[in-house]
Each structure stands twice: as C-alpha cells, then as structure tokens.
C-alpha cells in the first residue's frame, strides 16, 4: 500500500486531499498545529501535531514515519498561512518572517526530510502547494506572494536534484479556493482596499475565464494525478488549478 504525508492536513484543502488519497487506497499521515482538528480525522488516518516550520519537530516526525512505515511514497507539502494584508510601506517585519517561515521554510524542511527517505528507495513524488499568487503576484499580499514564488523556485530545484534518483516534484497553484480561509483573505483585502467583501469575491471570480472560484476537490484531483503513474513524465511544473486567472486585482 502506498503512503502519503500531508502537512497541515487536518482541515481545508489538506483534509480534502487526505480524504482523496485515502479513497484511492493510500495510507495517510497528516500533520497540523491544531490538535483538536487532528482528533476529528476519519478513521484510519494517522495524525501528528507538528509545526511545519519547526525543524526539530519535523525531524522527529520523519523519524517516526521511517520507523512505522519504513519509507514514504508521496509528500504533499501543504502547510501555509495567509500572512498579513497591508501596503508594503506598512508591512510588519515580524509578520513577514512568520509568513515565509511557514509557507517557504516549511516546504523546504518537508522536502529535506522526505528526500532522505525517498532517495534510498529510488522513487517518490513531492507535491508543493504554491498559488496563483506565486505566478502573478497580488497587491497587499507581499509576504504570501514572495513565499509562494519561492516555493516554485524550490520545487524546480528539487526536481532537478532528485530527478536522477527517480523522484518527481511539482507545484500546484490554486486560485481562490472556496472555504473559510479565502473568506478571511477577502475580508482583509476588502478592508485594505475600502471595498465590500462581496465586491472583492466577485472580482476574484470575474477575473477567471470560468467565472467561478476553485473548490478544494479540484486541488485534490490534481494532487492525485501528480502522484499517479499517469504523471510519470511530469516533473518541475507549476500547475495552475484556477479556472484560468487573467486579472488578479479586483
């Protein structure tokens, strides 16, 4: 049975991915900082409280995975936070650092420790969670954008390094994904721009060719594809799941 680790997998996109992988027959291990949400995971899923940006915690996590599973087939480096919404001249440095730590450092640490399990096996798949913000930018979201661009650069470098060892790496770049997290993002952006949340949401939707927001299931479907043999020649790619965004400033 194949195995998958999903960081920040106890809610939101991560949980939908976890359920999709479980439904496809994978053994699923998820991490999260929310012990309460981990306690509600579906039966059969393994869960650990772990901050993706904490290297000692990540080291211990992967040691446990190695001891219990003996290896890892798929990594979904999904952990991320939205970070502050502010004009660049008002940006708080501590908030900037926190956003990059979770979104970018967390992805690097996951890849670092997953590589140590995958290289001896001569196979594996790493899926990094970026964003359309990592492709186009986004006003008032400088830390998040910088982190998500960084994730794509990290992924491409990992794909080059680990490809000779049979390991593929790709990044998923969701657009605005329906759920509580985007609601918070929209509320913060509306306040920063002096708009109503409904106007911002409509702007997000109208800025795509399909005129709608992405669902978490769309992202999970892409993750399953990238982990599959059908994607055996797909590596080093940043793949948008966004309904074709062409206007990112509502």
Protein backbone atom coordinates (compact mmCIF):
# COMPACT_ATOMS: atom_id res chain seq x y z
CA UNK A 1 0.00 0.00 0.00
CA UNK A 2 1.39 3.41 -0.96
CA UNK A 3 1.92 6.08 1.67
CA UNK A 4 1.40 9.84 1.70
CA UNK A 5 2.26 12.59 4.18
CA UNK A 6 0.18 15.77 4.03
CA UNK A 7 1.34 18.71 6.13
CA UNK A 8 -1.48 20.88 7.51
CA UNK A 9 -3.90 18.14 6.55
CA UNK A 10 -6.49 18.33 9.33
CA UNK A 11 -8.72 20.92 7.66
CA UNK A 12 -9.28 22.87 4.47
CA UNK A 13 -7.54 21.80 1.26
CA UNK A 14 -5.26 19.48 3.21
CA UNK A 15 -8.11 17.47 4.65
CA UNK A 16 -9.84 17.18 1.28
CA UNK A 17 -6.57 15.89 -0.19
CA UNK A 18 -6.17 13.45 2.70
CA UNK A 19 -9.64 12.04 2.09
CA UNK A 20 -8.96 11.79 -1.65
CA UNK A 21 -5.72 9.86 -1.12
CA UNK A 22 -7.40 7.58 1.43
CA UNK A 23 -10.18 6.92 -1.07
CA UNK A 24 -7.53 5.95 -3.63
CA UNK A 25 -6.12 3.34 -1.26
CA UNK A 26 -3.21 5.22 0.28
CA UNK A 27 -2.11 5.04 3.89
CA UNK A 28 -2.42 8.67 5.01
CA UNK A 29 -0.44 10.57 7.63
CA UNK A 30 -1.32 14.20 8.28
CA UNK A 31 0.20 16.89 10.45
CA UNK A 32 -1.35 20.02 11.85
CA UNK A 33 -0.82 22.54 14.65
CA UNK A 34 -4.46 22.08 15.72
CA UNK A 35 -4.69 19.04 17.98
CA UNK A 36 -8.46 19.39 18.15
CA UNK A 37 -8.84 19.07 14.40
CA UNK A 38 -6.45 16.11 14.31
CA UNK A 39 -8.70 14.37 16.82
CA UNK A 40 -11.55 14.53 14.29
CA UNK A 41 -9.66 12.85 11.42
CA UNK A 42 -11.50 10.00 9.69
CA UNK A 43 -10.77 6.52 11.00
CA UNK A 44 -7.60 5.00 9.59
CA UNK A 45 -5.66 8.24 9.15
CA UNK A 46 -2.53 8.83 11.20
CA UNK A 47 -2.12 12.31 12.68
CA UNK A 48 0.65 14.24 14.43
CA UNK A 49 0.76 17.69 16.00
CA UNK A 50 3.63 19.39 14.19
CA UNK A 51 4.61 22.91 13.16
CA UNK A 52 5.96 22.65 9.60
CA UNK A 53 8.48 25.44 10.27
CA UNK A 54 9.95 23.77 13.38
CA UNK A 55 12.91 21.66 12.27
CA UNK A 56 13.28 19.56 15.45
CA UNK A 57 9.57 18.71 15.23
CA UNK A 58 9.86 17.84 11.54
CA UNK A 59 12.96 15.74 12.19
CA UNK A 60 11.09 13.77 14.86
CA UNK A 61 8.07 13.38 12.57
CA UNK A 62 10.07 11.86 9.73
CA UNK A 63 11.95 9.60 12.12
CA UNK A 64 8.59 8.30 13.28
CA UNK A 65 7.41 7.81 9.69
CA UNK A 66 10.58 5.90 8.90
CA UNK A 67 10.14 3.71 11.97
CA UNK A 68 6.46 2.95 11.39
CA UNK A 69 6.22 2.92 7.60
CA UNK A 70 9.78 2.28 6.51
CA UNK A 71 9.58 4.96 3.82
CA UNK A 72 7.34 7.45 2.06
CA UNK A 73 5.87 7.39 -1.43
CA UNK A 74 4.25 10.84 -1.65
CA UNK A 75 4.80 14.14 0.14
CA UNK A 76 2.21 16.91 -0.04
CA UNK A 77 3.93 20.00 1.39
CA UNK A 78 0.68 21.82 2.01
CA UNK A 79 1.30 23.86 5.19
CA UNK A 80 0.74 27.57 4.81
CA UNK A 81 -0.75 30.70 6.32
CA UNK A 82 -2.24 33.71 4.58
CA UNK A 83 0.09 36.20 6.24
CA UNK A 84 -0.62 39.91 6.71
CA UNK A 85 -2.59 42.06 4.28
CA UNK A 86 -1.00 45.51 4.11
CA UNK A 87 0.64 48.03 1.82
CA UNK A 88 4.38 47.43 1.54
CA UNK A 89 5.16 50.65 3.43
CA UNK A 90 3.11 49.39 6.36
CA UNK A 91 4.45 45.82 6.36
CA UNK A 92 5.44 44.43 9.75
CA UNK A 93 8.75 42.57 9.56
CA UNK A 94 7.83 40.01 12.20
CA UNK A 95 4.62 39.13 10.32
CA UNK A 96 6.66 38.92 7.10
CA UNK A 97 9.08 36.47 8.71
CA UNK A 98 6.28 34.32 10.13
CA UNK A 99 4.59 34.03 6.74
CA UNK A 100 7.80 33.00 4.99
CA UNK A 101 8.70 30.59 7.80
CA UNK A 102 5.50 28.56 7.49
CA UNK A 103 4.99 28.77 3.73
CA UNK A 104 8.57 28.53 2.45
CA UNK A 105 10.74 27.19 5.27
CA UNK A 106 8.07 24.58 5.98
CA UNK A 107 8.14 23.41 2.35
CA UNK A 108 11.94 23.20 2.40
CA UNK A 109 12.01 21.20 5.64
CA UNK A 110 9.40 18.77 4.32
CA UNK A 111 11.39 18.27 1.13
CA UNK A 112 14.68 17.93 3.01
CA UNK A 113 13.44 15.13 5.23
CA UNK A 114 11.32 13.43 2.56
CA UNK A 115 14.35 13.28 0.27
CA UNK A 116 16.23 11.32 2.92
CA UNK A 117 13.51 8.67 2.82
CA UNK A 118 12.89 8.68 -0.93
CA UNK A 119 16.44 8.66 -2.30
CA UNK A 120 17.38 5.25 -0.88
CA UNK A 121 14.16 3.84 -2.37
CA UNK A 122 14.91 5.35 -5.77
CA UNK A 123 11.40 6.70 -6.15
CA UNK A 124 8.92 9.19 -4.77
CA UNK A 125 6.69 12.15 -5.51
CA UNK A 126 6.81 15.59 -3.92
CA UNK A 127 3.85 17.93 -4.36
CA UNK A 128 4.32 21.51 -3.20
CA UNK A 129 1.42 23.87 -2.59
CA UNK A 130 2.05 27.21 -4.23
CA UNK A 131 -0.66 29.57 -5.51
CA UNK A 132 -1.59 31.68 -8.49
CA UNK A 133 -0.14 34.44 -6.28
CA UNK A 134 3.17 32.68 -6.92
CA UNK A 135 2.65 33.09 -10.66
CA UNK A 136 1.21 36.59 -10.97
CA UNK A 137 1.66 38.49 -7.69
CA UNK A 138 -1.12 40.09 -5.68
CA UNK A 139 -1.38 43.64 -4.29
CA UNK A 140 -1.21 44.00 -0.48
CA UNK A 141 -0.07 40.35 -0.06
CA UNK A 142 3.71 40.77 -0.40
CA UNK A 143 4.84 38.13 2.16
CA UNK A 144 2.47 35.46 0.87
CA UNK A 145 3.37 36.19 -2.74
CA UNK A 146 7.10 36.14 -2.02
CA UNK A 147 6.76 32.82 -0.21
CA UNK A 148 4.70 31.20 -2.96
CA UNK A 149 7.11 32.36 -5.69
CA UNK A 150 9.85 30.90 -3.53
CA UNK A 151 8.02 27.58 -3.32
CA UNK A 152 8.04 27.32 -7.11
CA UNK A 153 11.79 28.00 -7.25
CA UNK A 154 12.35 25.46 -4.50
CA UNK A 155 10.25 22.87 -6.34
CA UNK A 156 12.09 23.33 -9.63
CA UNK A 157 15.46 22.96 -7.92
CA UNK A 158 14.31 19.86 -6.03
CA UNK A 159 13.01 18.36 -9.27
CA UNK A 160 16.44 18.87 -10.88
CA UNK A 161 18.36 17.50 -7.89
CA UNK A 162 16.19 14.46 -7.25
CA UNK A 163 15.10 13.52 -10.75
CA UNK A 164 18.15 11.26 -11.25
CA UNK A 165 17.01 9.37 -8.15
CA UNK A 166 13.56 8.64 -9.59
CA UNK A 167 11.83 11.37 -7.60
CA UNK A 168 9.41 13.80 -9.23
CA UNK A 169 8.49 17.23 -7.85
CA UNK A 170 5.71 19.58 -8.94
CA UNK A 171 3.78 22.51 -7.52
CA UNK A 172 0.04 23.07 -7.53
CA UNK A 173 -1.02 26.69 -7.88
CA UNK A 174 -4.65 27.01 -6.81
CA UNK A 175 -6.64 30.11 -7.50
CA UNK A 176 -9.06 31.41 -4.88
CA UNK A 177 -10.38 28.25 -3.20
CA UNK A 178 -13.81 28.19 -1.61
CA UNK A 179 -13.68 27.80 2.17
CA UNK A 180 -13.11 29.64 5.46
CA UNK A 181 -9.55 30.66 4.59
CA UNK A 182 -10.48 32.59 1.46
CA UNK A 183 -13.27 34.27 3.42
CA UNK A 184 -10.65 35.70 5.79
CA UNK A 185 -8.43 36.76 2.90
CA UNK A 186 -11.34 38.50 1.19
CA UNK A 187 -12.37 40.31 4.37
CA UNK A 188 -8.82 41.56 4.94
CA UNK A 189 -8.41 42.67 1.32
CA UNK A 190 -11.78 44.42 1.35
CA UNK A 191 -10.72 46.38 4.41
CA UNK A 192 -7.32 47.26 2.90
CA UNK A 193 -8.91 48.45 -0.36
CA UNK A 194 -12.01 50.09 1.06
CA UNK A 195 -14.31 47.65 -0.74
CA UNK A 196 -17.07 45.30 0.37
CA UNK A 197 -16.22 41.59 0.75
CA UNK A 198 -18.85 40.73 -1.86
CA UNK A 199 -17.20 43.06 -4.36
CA UNK A 200 -13.79 41.51 -3.77
CA UNK A 201 -15.19 37.97 -4.09
CA UNK A 202 -16.96 38.86 -7.31
CA UNK A 203 -13.75 40.39 -8.59
CA UNK A 204 -11.89 37.16 -7.91
CA UNK A 205 -14.49 35.13 -9.79
CA UNK A 206 -14.83 37.54 -12.71
CA UNK A 207 -11.05 37.58 -13.12
CA UNK A 208 -11.12 33.94 -14.29
CA UNK A 209 -12.16 32.52 -17.62
CA UNK A 210 -14.59 30.11 -15.92
CA UNK A 211 -16.09 32.88 -13.73
CA UNK A 212 -16.03 30.89 -10.51
CA UNK A 213 -13.78 30.11 -7.57
CA UNK A 214 -11.92 26.83 -7.25
CA UNK A 215 -13.19 24.05 -4.97
CA UNK A 216 -10.83 22.06 -2.70
CA UNK A 217 -11.80 18.90 -4.58
CA UNK A 218 -10.30 20.39 -7.75
CA UNK A 219 -6.96 20.75 -5.99
CA UNK A 220 -7.16 17.23 -4.54
CA UNK A 221 -7.82 15.79 -8.00
CA UNK A 222 -4.66 17.44 -9.31
CA UNK A 223 -2.64 16.08 -6.39
CA UNK A 224 -3.87 12.54 -7.09
CA UNK A 225 -2.97 12.91 -10.76
CA UNK A 226 0.54 14.16 -9.96
CA UNK A 227 1.07 11.21 -7.61
CA UNK A 228 -0.10 8.72 -10.23
CA UNK A 229 1.78 6.77 -12.89
CA UNK A 230 -0.14 8.80 -15.43
CA UNK A 231 2.10 11.73 -14.48
CA UNK A 232 5.35 9.75 -14.58
CA UNK A 233 6.91 12.26 -17.02
CA UNK A 234 5.54 15.35 -15.28
CA UNK A 235 8.16 16.99 -13.08
CA UNK A 236 9.35 20.52 -12.35
CA UNK A 237 5.98 22.02 -13.29
CA UNK A 238 3.89 24.72 -11.63
CA UNK A 239 0.32 23.73 -12.49
CA UNK A 240 -2.49 26.23 -12.00
CA UNK A 241 -5.89 24.99 -10.82
CA UNK A 242 -7.73 28.26 -11.08
CA UNK A 243 -10.17 28.39 -13.99
CA UNK A 244 -7.58 30.47 -15.91
CA UNK A 245 -6.91 33.60 -13.92
CA UNK A 246 -6.24 36.66 -16.05
CA UNK A 247 -6.99 39.53 -13.68
CA UNK A 248 -5.68 39.30 -10.11
CA UNK A 249 -6.66 42.78 -8.92
CA UNK A 250 -10.41 43.14 -8.29
